[in-house]
Protein backbone atom coordinates (compact mmCIF):
# COMPACT_ATOMS: atom_id res chain seq x y z
CA MET A 1 -12.55 131.66 -39.60
CA THR A 2 -9.04 132.83 -38.75
CA ALA A 3 -8.71 136.04 -36.79
CA ALA A 4 -6.52 138.72 -38.26
CA PRO A 5 -3.15 139.04 -36.47
CA MET A 6 -3.01 141.79 -33.90
CA GLN A 7 -0.85 144.76 -34.74
CA GLN A 8 1.30 146.08 -31.93
CA PRO A 9 0.63 149.80 -31.30
CA SER A 10 3.41 151.73 -33.00
CA HIS A 11 4.26 153.74 -29.90
CA LEU A 12 5.24 150.52 -28.09
CA VAL A 13 7.73 149.33 -30.73
CA PHE A 14 11.30 150.56 -30.62
CA ASP A 15 13.04 151.08 -33.97
CA VAL A 16 14.78 147.80 -34.78
CA HIS A 17 16.64 149.52 -37.61
CA GLU A 18 18.17 152.21 -35.43
CA THR A 19 21.93 151.82 -35.16
CA ARG A 20 23.87 152.26 -31.97
CA GLU A 21 25.35 155.53 -33.22
CA GLU A 22 21.92 156.88 -34.23
CA PHE A 23 20.60 156.07 -30.76
CA ARG A 24 23.51 157.84 -29.09
CA VAL A 25 23.05 160.96 -31.23
CA ARG A 26 19.33 160.99 -30.46
CA GLN A 27 19.89 160.56 -26.73
CA ARG A 28 22.57 163.25 -26.64
CA SER A 29 20.11 165.66 -28.28
CA ALA A 30 17.68 164.96 -25.43
CA TYR A 31 20.37 165.62 -22.81
CA HIS A 32 21.27 168.82 -24.64
CA ALA A 33 17.65 170.00 -24.56
CA GLY A 34 17.64 169.59 -20.78
CA LYS A 35 20.86 171.57 -20.38
CA GLU A 36 19.43 174.37 -22.53
CA ALA A 37 16.28 174.55 -20.40
CA TRP A 38 18.40 174.73 -17.24
CA ARG A 39 20.65 177.48 -18.67
CA ASP A 40 17.52 179.44 -19.67
CA ASP A 41 16.20 179.14 -16.07
CA ARG A 42 13.13 177.22 -17.19
CA ILE A 43 13.97 174.40 -14.76
CA ASN A 44 16.16 174.16 -11.69
CA GLY A 45 19.18 171.91 -11.24
CA GLN A 46 17.30 169.20 -9.39
CA ALA A 47 14.60 169.02 -12.06
CA LEU A 48 17.41 168.68 -14.61
CA GLN A 49 18.78 165.68 -12.71
CA LEU A 50 15.32 164.10 -12.71
CA TYR A 51 14.96 164.76 -16.46
CA GLU A 52 18.29 163.06 -17.20
CA GLU A 53 17.18 160.07 -15.14
CA LEU A 54 13.96 159.88 -17.20
CA VAL A 55 15.96 160.01 -20.45
CA ARG A 56 18.00 157.06 -19.25
CA ARG A 57 14.87 155.14 -18.28
CA VAL A 58 13.24 155.70 -21.68
CA GLY A 59 16.36 154.38 -23.41
CA ALA A 60 15.66 153.39 -27.01
CA ASN A 61 11.92 153.05 -26.44
CA ALA A 62 9.06 155.48 -26.98
CA TYR A 63 8.40 156.11 -23.27
CA CYS A 64 9.02 154.89 -19.76
CA TRP A 65 6.16 153.76 -17.53
CA ILE A 66 6.68 154.90 -13.98
CA GLY A 67 4.76 156.80 -11.30
CA GLU A 68 5.81 159.60 -8.99
CA GLU A 69 5.61 157.38 -5.92
CA THR A 70 8.07 154.89 -7.40
CA LEU A 71 10.50 157.65 -8.33
CA ALA A 72 10.14 159.19 -4.88
CA THR A 73 11.01 155.86 -3.23
CA GLU A 74 13.99 155.18 -5.48
CA LEU A 75 15.42 158.71 -5.31
CA GLY A 76 14.80 159.36 -1.63
CA ARG A 77 12.41 162.31 -2.05
CA SER A 78 8.76 162.89 -1.28
CA ALA A 79 6.14 162.25 -3.96
CA SER A 80 5.07 165.91 -3.78
CA THR A 81 8.64 167.02 -4.58
CA ILE A 82 8.84 164.66 -7.56
CA LYS A 83 5.47 165.96 -8.81
CA ARG A 84 6.68 169.54 -8.51
CA TRP A 85 9.77 168.79 -10.60
CA MET A 86 7.67 166.88 -13.11
CA ARG A 87 5.48 169.96 -13.57
CA GLN A 88 8.61 171.99 -14.28
CA LEU A 89 9.66 169.51 -16.98
CA VAL A 90 6.20 169.52 -18.55
CA ALA A 91 6.03 173.33 -18.50
CA ALA A 92 9.47 173.49 -20.15
CA HIS A 93 8.22 171.10 -22.87
CA LEU A 94 10.90 168.54 -22.03
CA ILE A 95 8.48 165.68 -21.32
CA ARG A 96 4.88 164.69 -22.01
CA ARG A 97 2.82 162.52 -19.69
CA ASP A 98 -0.44 160.61 -19.99
CA ARG A 99 -2.03 158.64 -17.20
CA GLN A 100 -2.77 154.96 -17.73
CA PHE A 101 -5.23 152.83 -15.77
CA GLY A 102 -5.77 155.60 -13.23
CA HIS A 103 -2.45 155.34 -11.42
CA SER A 104 0.73 154.96 -13.53
CA THR A 105 1.90 157.36 -16.18
CA HIS A 106 3.61 157.08 -19.54
CA THR A 107 6.41 159.62 -19.75
CA TYR A 108 7.62 160.68 -23.22
CA ILE A 109 10.74 162.69 -24.05
CA THR A 110 9.58 165.53 -26.30
CA ALA A 111 13.00 165.79 -27.99
CA TYR A 112 12.09 162.48 -29.63
CA ASP A 113 8.69 163.65 -30.93
CA GLN A 114 9.93 164.82 -34.34
CA ARG A 115 11.63 161.49 -34.87
CA ASP A 116 8.41 159.68 -33.94
CA ILE A 117 6.46 161.72 -36.51
CA THR A 118 8.92 161.17 -39.37
CA GLU A 119 9.20 157.44 -38.73
CA SER A 120 5.58 156.69 -37.82
CA THR A 121 4.72 155.52 -41.35
CA GLN A 122 7.62 153.07 -41.40
CA GLN A 123 6.72 151.70 -37.98
CA GLU A 124 3.03 151.25 -38.80
CA THR A 125 3.81 149.27 -41.96
CA ALA A 126 6.57 147.15 -40.40
CA PRO A 127 5.52 143.58 -39.48
CA PHE A 128 5.18 142.89 -35.77
CA VAL A 129 7.39 140.06 -34.53
CA GLY A 130 7.22 138.85 -30.94
CA SER A 131 6.20 140.95 -27.98
CA ALA A 132 7.04 144.48 -27.01
CA PRO A 133 10.53 144.86 -25.52
CA ASP A 134 11.15 145.55 -21.92
CA PRO A 135 11.58 149.30 -21.27
CA SER A 136 15.27 148.64 -20.56
CA ILE A 137 15.77 146.37 -23.59
CA ARG A 138 18.67 148.44 -24.90
CA SER A 139 20.17 149.67 -21.69
CA ASP A 140 23.38 147.87 -22.72
CA LEU A 141 24.01 150.63 -25.25
CA LEU A 142 24.76 153.20 -22.60
CA PRO A 143 25.81 152.14 -19.09
CA ASP A 144 24.02 154.13 -16.44
CA PRO A 145 26.44 156.89 -15.44
CA ILE A 146 24.58 158.13 -12.43
CA LYS A 147 26.66 156.30 -9.84
CA ASP A 148 30.08 156.19 -11.42
CA GLN A 149 30.58 159.52 -13.08
CA ASN A 150 27.71 161.93 -12.57
CA LEU A 151 29.67 164.33 -10.39
CA ASN A 152 28.59 167.73 -9.20
CA SER A 153 29.13 169.65 -12.44
CA ARG A 154 26.95 171.71 -14.72
CA GLY A 155 28.58 170.33 -17.88
CA GLY A 156 29.27 172.10 -21.16
CA GLY A 157 26.99 174.01 -23.47
CA LYS A 158 28.08 172.92 -26.95
CA ASP A 159 26.24 170.88 -29.55
CA LEU A 160 26.12 167.33 -28.22
CA THR A 161 25.38 165.84 -31.65
CA GLU A 162 29.06 166.15 -32.57
CA ASN A 163 30.71 162.81 -33.33
CA PHE A 164 33.46 162.50 -30.74
CA GLU A 165 33.71 158.74 -30.26
CA HIS A 166 36.70 158.25 -32.53
CA THR A 167 39.10 160.82 -31.07
CA PRO A 168 42.13 159.46 -29.18
CA THR A 169 41.05 161.28 -26.02
CA THR A 170 37.51 159.90 -25.88
CA GLU A 171 38.70 156.40 -26.78
CA ARG A 172 41.21 156.59 -23.91
CA LEU A 173 38.47 157.76 -21.53
CA GLN A 174 36.18 154.94 -22.64
CA ASP A 175 39.00 152.46 -22.00
CA GLU A 176 39.08 153.78 -18.43
CA GLY A 177 35.33 153.24 -17.96
CA VAL A 178 34.02 156.76 -18.73
CA THR A 179 31.02 156.22 -21.03
CA ASP A 180 28.58 159.08 -20.41
CA PRO A 181 28.31 160.95 -23.78
CA VAL A 182 27.82 164.28 -22.03
CA VAL A 183 31.04 163.80 -20.05
CA LEU A 184 32.94 162.57 -23.12
CA ASP A 185 31.85 165.63 -25.06
CA GLU A 186 32.97 167.87 -22.21
CA LEU A 187 36.43 166.31 -21.87
CA GLN A 188 37.22 165.45 -25.49
CA HIS A 189 39.80 168.22 -25.86
CA ARG A 190 41.86 167.27 -22.81
CA SER A 191 45.34 166.04 -23.65
CA ILE A 192 46.34 162.39 -23.46
CA ASP A 193 49.12 163.41 -21.05
CA ASP A 194 46.56 164.89 -18.65
CA ILE A 195 44.50 161.72 -18.79
CA ASP A 196 47.55 159.49 -18.23
CA THR A 197 48.62 161.62 -15.27
CA VAL A 198 45.19 161.37 -13.66
CA VAL A 199 44.89 157.62 -14.37
CA ARG A 200 48.25 156.94 -12.72
CA TYR A 201 47.22 159.03 -9.74
CA VAL A 202 43.84 157.32 -9.38
CA ALA A 203 45.47 153.87 -9.68
CA ARG A 204 47.05 154.48 -6.27
CA CYS A 205 43.67 154.29 -4.55
CA ARG A 206 41.19 152.74 -7.03
CA ASP A 207 41.58 149.48 -8.95
CA ARG A 208 39.63 148.67 -12.12
CA GLN A 209 37.00 146.73 -10.19
CA ASP A 210 36.16 149.77 -8.03
CA PRO A 211 32.91 151.36 -9.32
CA ARG A 212 34.10 154.75 -8.04
CA ARG A 213 37.19 154.77 -10.25
CA ALA A 214 35.70 156.40 -13.36
CA GLY A 215 33.98 159.06 -11.26
CA LEU A 216 37.24 160.10 -9.61
CA ILE A 217 39.00 160.30 -13.00
CA VAL A 218 36.28 162.63 -14.31
CA HIS A 219 36.32 164.67 -11.11
CA LEU A 220 40.06 165.38 -11.38
CA LEU A 221 39.96 166.09 -15.13
CA ARG A 222 37.18 168.65 -14.61
CA ARG A 223 39.41 170.59 -12.25
CA PRO A 224 42.76 171.28 -13.97
CA GLU A 225 44.04 173.13 -10.90
CA ARG A 226 43.70 169.91 -8.93
CA LEU A 227 45.70 167.75 -11.34
CA PRO A 228 48.53 166.00 -9.47
CA THR A 229 51.96 167.28 -10.46
CA ARG A 230 55.08 165.25 -11.09
CA ARG A 231 56.81 164.67 -7.78
CA SER A 232 59.93 162.85 -6.73
CA ARG A 233 59.68 159.31 -5.45
CA SER A 234 60.85 160.49 -2.02
CA GLU A 235 57.56 162.33 -1.55
CA TYR A 236 55.73 158.99 -1.62
CA ILE A 237 57.94 157.39 1.04
CA PRO A 238 55.97 157.18 4.30
CA HIS A 239 57.27 159.34 7.14
CA THR A 240 56.51 159.03 10.80
CA GLN A 241 54.05 161.83 11.59
CA PRO A 242 51.34 162.43 14.17
CA CYS A 243 48.16 160.69 13.05
CA HIS A 244 46.16 163.93 13.05
CA SER A 245 48.33 165.46 10.28
CA SER A 246 48.28 162.49 7.90
CA PRO A 247 44.99 161.64 6.20
CA PRO A 248 44.14 157.92 6.35
CA GLU A 249 44.83 155.99 3.15
CA THR A 250 42.86 152.76 3.61
CA ASN A 251 39.14 152.18 3.41
CA GLY A 252 39.16 151.26 7.07
CA GLY A 253 40.76 154.56 7.93
CA LEU A 254 38.27 156.49 5.83
CA THR A 255 35.36 154.76 7.50
CA THR A 256 36.73 155.52 10.96
CA THR A 257 37.47 159.14 10.09
CA TRP A 258 34.02 159.69 8.60
CA GLY A 259 32.32 158.02 11.57
CA THR A 260 34.08 160.42 13.92
CA ILE A 261 33.07 163.43 11.84
CA LEU A 262 29.45 162.32 11.59
CA GLU A 263 29.31 161.79 15.34
CA ARG A 264 30.33 165.40 15.93
CA LEU A 265 27.96 166.71 13.26
CA SER A 266 25.05 164.85 14.83
CA HIS A 267 25.27 167.32 17.74
CA GLU A 268 25.41 170.39 15.48
CA VAL A 269 22.42 169.86 13.17
CA SER A 270 18.84 168.81 13.75
CA ALA A 271 18.16 165.12 14.12
CA GLU A 272 15.92 165.13 11.05
CA SER A 273 18.53 166.83 8.85
CA PHE A 274 21.27 164.54 10.08
CA THR A 275 19.26 161.37 9.47
CA THR A 276 18.05 162.45 6.02
CA TRP A 277 21.11 164.12 4.51
CA LEU A 278 24.28 163.26 6.44
CA ARG A 279 23.93 159.73 7.78
CA PRO A 280 23.66 158.12 4.26
CA THR A 281 26.96 159.69 3.13
CA THR A 282 30.43 158.15 2.95
CA LEU A 283 33.97 159.44 2.62
CA LEU A 284 35.12 158.16 -0.78
CA HIS A 285 38.50 159.83 -1.09
CA LEU A 286 40.86 161.74 1.19
CA ASP A 287 44.34 162.64 0.00
CA GLY A 288 46.30 165.80 0.59
CA ASP A 289 43.88 168.72 0.57
CA LEU A 290 41.12 166.99 -1.40
CA ALA A 291 38.16 165.15 0.13
CA VAL A 292 35.38 163.55 -1.94
CA ILE A 293 32.15 162.82 -0.06
CA GLY A 294 29.79 160.28 -1.60
CA ALA A 295 26.00 160.50 -1.62
CA PRO A 296 23.53 157.72 -2.46
CA ASN A 297 21.65 159.81 -5.05
CA VAL A 298 21.59 163.19 -6.77
CA PHE A 299 19.20 164.73 -4.28
CA VAL A 300 21.36 164.05 -1.24
CA ARG A 301 24.39 165.24 -3.19
CA ASP A 302 22.73 168.57 -4.02
CA GLU A 303 21.50 169.03 -0.46
CA LEU A 304 25.03 168.54 0.91
CA GLU A 305 25.89 172.00 -0.44
CA ASN A 306 23.97 173.39 2.55
CA PHE A 307 26.41 171.58 4.87
CA ARG A 308 29.63 172.42 2.99
CA ASP A 309 30.99 174.83 5.62
CA ALA A 310 30.33 172.43 8.49
CA LEU A 311 31.86 169.49 6.62
CA THR A 312 34.92 171.51 5.61
CA SER A 313 35.45 172.65 9.19
CA GLN A 314 35.18 169.12 10.60
CA LEU A 315 37.59 167.70 8.02
CA HIS A 316 40.03 170.47 8.82
CA VAL A 317 39.92 169.51 12.49
CA GLU A 318 40.29 165.81 11.72
CA VAL A 319 43.25 165.91 9.30
CA GLY A 320 45.01 168.99 10.65
CA GLN A 321 44.98 171.03 7.42
CA ALA A 322 42.61 172.92 5.13
CA VAL A 323 40.62 170.58 2.89
CA ASN A 324 38.72 171.23 -0.34
CA VAL A 325 35.44 169.30 -0.28
CA GLU A 326 33.75 167.90 -3.37
CA PHE A 327 30.53 165.88 -3.60
CA ALA A 328 29.96 162.86 -5.85
CA ILE A 329 27.36 160.16 -6.32
CA GLY A 330 28.66 156.87 -5.02
CA THR A 331 28.76 154.64 -1.97
CA ARG A 332 31.27 152.23 -0.65
């Protein structure tokens, strides 16, 4: 007697008929739901960052399977903090969770629930071929933007289901490595001239192999007042100046400068705060009156706001002029 073939549970099968564009629209709607909850004060900014990370982990699948302890280890926070933010997301109806085998948890994005309901009949009748995909089976559709271009910005508030991929501006940004749909939606109305100006400026300190390149492009485009202006070639000719008034331009110089600043800060803040929040940071960019400080994850980046005054003061002392400090996710 031949046993009947096992049917894979429908909630474990991703939609093989979903196109790349349909996936992007669906994922953008999930990101938009998180932004709306944050603007309505139903979640805080750090819970929003965690939610966006969960959306990325779910990808094209029905859920991601991860516990609070794993997230805490990967994101550099305590398990109790992760649990607190998870409760915010559940209370805001952004995620659903069910515990499996007494320790790990399936996390579902509620923005996808309606889609699951409307397509459940199709999925249940579709033949099962092979095994269930890995939770990151379609991660190639959307490169993880958290390191390269998730800068310290609240983003826009418009409908993220708008089709923007085919505009000259977004195509130009994608050519430069900017692929986050939220960022593309935010910057789609910037002029090509602005983008070209920023790209030429960034090319002076970041080549195409540098993972920080796209993040710096987005950072400058988000701040029109910081766009570099056209200047004569003579302004780029090196002049002999005291070292304290000329910011270092090489990675070696940045490392030395940042090491000096951290050494001084270690005597101004508690040992615990320094070890947790300041020691993991790097100086990614220093040119003129702009300094970009890199953090290993979103939580360190957000916490650096509490040290902004001290960091600004130390940079002022080091380079001999007032410096505007920005925080980004990225390491050397």
